[in-house]
Amino acid sequence: MIKSSTIPTPIEMDELEALLIEFGILESDEEAEKLIAAENAAKATA
């Protein structure tokens, strides 16, 4: 018995990044910059 398979359609990296950000798997560049700035500020005061 042969099972039918679906071949995924390739998408552009920009589309993939948008999907990952939308589903919370990847942070946006702005959020990543905020976290880095907060970590650097915490290190500077410690």
C-alpha atoms as a PDB file:
ATOM      1  CA  MET A   1       0.000   0.000   0.000  1.00  0.00           C
ATOM      2  CA  ILE A   2       1.432   3.360  -1.044  1.00  0.00           C
ATOM      3  CA  LYS A   3       0.753   6.307   1.212  1.00  0.00           C
ATOM      4  CA  SER A   4       0.467   9.665  -0.540  1.00  0.00           C
ATOM      5  CA  SER A   5       2.985  12.218   0.644  1.00  0.00           C
ATOM      6  CA  THR A   6       3.054  15.966   0.449  1.00  0.00           C
ATOM      7  CA  ILE A   7       6.214  17.674  -0.706  1.00  0.00           C
ATOM      8  CA  PRO A   8       6.644  20.972   1.166  1.00  0.00           C
ATOM      9  CA  THR A   9       6.873  24.146  -0.869  1.00  0.00           C
ATOM     10  CA  PRO A  10      10.040  26.149  -0.188  1.00  0.00           C
ATOM     11  CA  ILE A  11       9.600  29.653   1.241  1.00  0.00           C
ATOM     12  CA  GLU A  12      11.914  32.650   1.380  1.00  0.00           C
ATOM     13  CA  MET A  13      13.989  33.264   4.506  1.00  0.00           C
ATOM     14  CA  ASP A  14      12.060  36.478   5.198  1.00  0.00           C
ATOM     15  CA  GLU A  15       8.782  34.548   5.209  1.00  0.00           C
ATOM     16  CA  LEU A  16      10.259  31.911   7.511  1.00  0.00           C
ATOM     17  CA  GLU A  17      11.580  34.544   9.902  1.00  0.00           C
ATOM     18  CA  ALA A  18       8.177  36.280   9.985  1.00  0.00           C
ATOM     19  CA  LEU A  19       6.446  32.984  10.809  1.00  0.00           C
ATOM     20  CA  LEU A  20       8.951  32.165  13.562  1.00  0.00           C
ATOM     21  CA  ILE A  21       8.478  35.620  15.117  1.00  0.00           C
ATOM     22  CA  GLU A  22       4.687  35.367  14.805  1.00  0.00           C
ATOM     23  CA  PHE A  23       4.612  32.056  16.676  1.00  0.00           C
ATOM     24  CA  GLY A  24       7.095  33.210  19.336  1.00  0.00           C
ATOM     25  CA  ILE A  25       9.873  30.833  18.330  1.00  0.00           C
ATOM     26  CA  LEU A  26      12.230  33.635  17.328  1.00  0.00           C
ATOM     27  CA  GLU A  27      12.486  37.157  18.715  1.00  0.00           C
ATOM     28  CA  SER A  28      12.305  40.155  16.445  1.00  0.00           C
ATOM     29  CA  ASP A  29      15.465  42.193  15.979  1.00  0.00           C
ATOM     30  CA  GLU A  30      14.002  45.010  18.091  1.00  0.00           C
ATOM     31  CA  GLU A  31      13.222  42.673  20.997  1.00  0.00           C
ATOM     32  CA  ALA A  32      16.667  41.083  20.806  1.00  0.00           C
ATOM     33  CA  GLU A  33      18.317  44.531  20.907  1.00  0.00           C
ATOM     34  CA  LYS A  34      16.232  45.504  23.976  1.00  0.00           C
ATOM     35  CA  LEU A  35      17.261  42.316  25.814  1.00  0.00           C
ATOM     36  CA  ILE A  36      20.946  42.837  24.993  1.00  0.00           C
ATOM     37  CA  ALA A  37      20.790  46.460  26.146  1.00  0.00           C
ATOM     38  CA  ALA A  38      19.097  45.413  29.408  1.00  0.00           C
ATOM     39  CA  GLU A  39      21.744  42.725  30.029  1.00  0.00           C
ATOM     40  CA  ASN A  40      24.557  45.176  29.335  1.00  0.00           C
ATOM     41  CA  ALA A  41      22.986  47.743  31.684  1.00  0.00           C
ATOM     42  CA  ALA A  42      22.669  45.122  34.421  1.00  0.00           C
ATOM     43  CA  LYS A  43      26.327  44.144  33.995  1.00  0.00           C
ATOM     44  CA  ALA A  44      27.413  47.805  34.127  1.00  0.00           C
ATOM     45  CA  THR A  45      25.622  48.414  37.442  1.00  0.00           C
ATOM     46  CA  ALA A  46      26.793  45.173  39.047  1.00  0.00           C
END
